Structures are given as C-alpha cells and as structure tokens.
C-alpha atoms as a PDB file:
ATOM      1  CA  MET A   1      20.795  -8.074 -10.277  1.00  0.00           C
ATOM      2  CA  ARG A   2      17.960 -10.896 -11.707  1.00  0.00           C
ATOM      3  CA  GLY A   3      18.209 -12.411  -7.858  1.00  0.00           C
ATOM      4  CA  SER A   4      17.315  -9.305  -6.416  1.00  0.00           C
ATOM      5  CA  MET A   5      14.424  -8.439  -8.775  1.00  0.00           C
ATOM      6  CA  ASP A   6      13.052 -12.251  -8.038  1.00  0.00           C
ATOM      7  CA  ASN A   7      13.227 -11.491  -4.409  1.00  0.00           C
ATOM      8  CA  LEU A   8      11.581  -8.272  -5.038  1.00  0.00           C
ATOM      9  CA  VAL A   9       8.392 -10.285  -6.677  1.00  0.00           C
ATOM     10  CA  TRP A  10       8.402 -13.080  -4.073  1.00  0.00           C
ATOM     11  CA  MET A  11       8.450 -10.424  -1.135  1.00  0.00           C
ATOM     12  CA  GLY A  12       5.350  -8.665  -3.118  1.00  0.00           C
ATOM     13  CA  ALA A  13       3.772 -11.837  -3.086  1.00  0.00           C
ATOM     14  CA  LEU A  14       3.987 -12.537   0.501  1.00  0.00           C
ATOM     15  CA  VAL A  15       2.744  -9.257   1.165  1.00  0.00           C
ATOM     16  CA  THR A  16      -0.227  -9.576  -0.961  1.00  0.00           C
ATOM     17  CA  LEU A  17      -0.930 -13.341   0.788  1.00  0.00           C
ATOM     18  CA  ALA A  18      -0.824 -11.577   4.098  1.00  0.00           C
ATOM     19  CA  GLY A  19      -3.438  -9.163   2.844  1.00  0.00           C
ATOM     20  CA  VAL A  20      -5.510 -11.943   1.418  1.00  0.00           C
ATOM     21  CA  ALA A  21      -5.169 -13.910   4.826  1.00  0.00           C
ATOM     22  CA  VAL A  22      -6.546 -10.670   6.701  1.00  0.00           C
ATOM     23  CA  LEU A  23      -9.119 -10.449   4.126  1.00  0.00           C
ATOM     24  CA  ALA A  24     -10.207 -14.142   5.300  1.00  0.00           C
ATOM     25  CA  TRP A  25     -10.190 -13.201   8.894  1.00  0.00           C
ATOM     26  CA  CYS A  26     -12.667 -10.367   8.154  1.00  0.00           C
ATOM     27  CA  ILE A  27     -14.786 -12.656   6.414  1.00  0.00           C
ATOM     28  CA  VAL A  28     -14.785 -15.108   9.251  1.00  0.00           C
ATOM     29  CA  ALA A  29     -15.207 -12.411  11.979  1.00  0.00           C
ATOM     30  CA  VAL A  30     -18.096 -10.767  10.338  1.00  0.00           C
ATOM     31  CA  GLN A  31     -20.137 -14.207  10.121  1.00  0.00           C
ATOM     32  CA  ARG A  32     -19.197 -14.853  13.699  1.00  0.00           C
ATOM     33  CA  ALA A  33     -20.358 -11.439  14.795  1.00  0.00           C
ATOM     34  CA  ARG A  34     -23.764 -12.285  12.870  1.00  0.00           C
ATOM     35  CA  ARG A  35     -24.287 -15.423  14.619  1.00  0.00           C
ATOM     36  CA  GLN A  36     -23.955 -14.314  17.939  1.00  0.00           C
ATOM     37  CA  ALA A  37     -27.213 -12.758  19.326  1.00  0.00           C
ATOM     38  CA  LEU A  38     -25.603  -9.182  19.967  1.00  0.00           C
ATOM     39  CA  ASP A  39     -27.714  -5.820  20.155  1.00  0.00           C
ATOM     40  CA  GLU A  40     -27.706  -3.448  17.485  1.00  0.00           C
ATOM     41  CA  ALA A  41     -24.609  -1.387  19.037  1.00  0.00           C
ATOM     42  CA  ALA A  42     -22.449  -4.208  19.655  1.00  0.00           C
ATOM     43  CA  LEU A  43     -22.880  -5.316  16.285  1.00  0.00           C
ATOM     44  CA  LYS A  44     -22.304  -2.188  15.008  1.00  0.00           C
ATOM     45  CA  ALA A  45     -18.954  -1.959  16.838  1.00  0.00           C
ATOM     46  CA  ARG A  46     -17.559  -5.039  15.685  1.00  0.00           C
ATOM     47  CA  LEU A  47     -18.442  -4.445  12.052  1.00  0.00           C
ATOM     48  CA  GLN A  48     -16.560  -1.095  11.997  1.00  0.00           C
ATOM     49  CA  LYS A  49     -13.539  -2.791  13.449  1.00  0.00           C
ATOM     50  CA  ALA A  50     -14.092  -5.562  10.749  1.00  0.00           C
ATOM     51  CA  VAL A  51     -14.414  -2.575   7.759  1.00  0.00           C
ATOM     52  CA  ALA A  52     -11.492  -1.026   9.114  1.00  0.00           C
ATOM     53  CA  MET A  53      -9.251  -4.271   9.047  1.00  0.00           C
ATOM     54  CA  ASN A  54     -10.986  -4.983   5.648  1.00  0.00           C
ATOM     55  CA  THR A  55      -9.532  -1.536   4.127  1.00  0.00           C
ATOM     56  CA  GLY A  56      -6.115  -2.063   5.480  1.00  0.00           C
ATOM     57  CA  ALA A  57      -5.946  -5.610   4.429  1.00  0.00           C
ATOM     58  CA  LEU A  58      -7.008  -4.324   1.088  1.00  0.00           C
ATOM     59  CA  ALA A  59      -4.220  -1.510   0.902  1.00  0.00           C
ATOM     60  CA  LEU A  60      -1.665  -4.105   1.854  1.00  0.00           C
ATOM     61  CA  SER A  61      -2.785  -6.460  -0.964  1.00  0.00           C
ATOM     62  CA  ALA A  62      -2.826  -3.551  -3.331  1.00  0.00           C
ATOM     63  CA  VAL A  63       1.315  -2.669  -1.966  1.00  0.00           C
ATOM     64  CA  GLY A  64       2.092  -5.936  -2.206  1.00  0.00           C
ATOM     65  CA  LEU A  65       0.859  -6.269  -5.945  1.00  0.00           C
ATOM     66  CA  MET A  66       2.624  -2.783  -6.561  1.00  0.00           C
ATOM     67  CA  ILE A  67       5.916  -4.659  -5.370  1.00  0.00           C
ATOM     68  CA  VAL A  68       5.267  -7.064  -7.799  1.00  0.00           C
ATOM     69  CA  VAL A  69       4.551  -5.403 -10.688  1.00  0.00           C
ATOM     70  CA  VAL A  70       8.046  -3.136  -9.690  1.00  0.00           C
ATOM     71  CA  GLY A  71      10.043  -6.530  -9.644  1.00  0.00           C
ATOM     72  CA  ILE A  72       8.917  -7.693 -12.945  1.00  0.00           C
ATOM     73  CA  LEU A  73       9.170  -4.359 -14.567  1.00  0.00           C
ATOM     74  CA  LEU A  74      12.708  -3.890 -13.005  1.00  0.00           C
ATOM     75  CA  GLY A  75      13.476  -7.480 -13.939  1.00  0.00           C
END
C-alpha cells in the first residue's frame, strides 16, 4: 500500500512540474510578444492566448498539488 501512495505523490509532483513548465512558457511568450513591434490588435490576441494558457497551467499545477496532498494523507 505504501508504494502506491509514493507513486501517487510522485505523479502529482510531475503534474505540478508540468504546470510550472507551461507557466514558464507563458512568461517567455509574453516577453517575446512585447519585444516584437506588433500592432495593438495582434499584441492583444497573443496576450489573450497567453492568459488562457496561464490559467490552464495554474489549474494543472493546483491539480498536481492536490494529488500530492492526497498521496501524503493516504500514505
């Protein structure tokens, strides 16, 4: 039983790290978009895409942390 809960903790940690990686991608994407000489509409479209990805990444990280907590509590 202990081994499966350890696996659950590690799986949650991997899901959390995936969310953090997407957050880092969002930061880089916004920095690149701001450096380019884009008109207001194009910049707004890129930032909206980044905000959507950012929200999804935060949700993914939260789910990963919930998996970790469940694994710890059940372990």
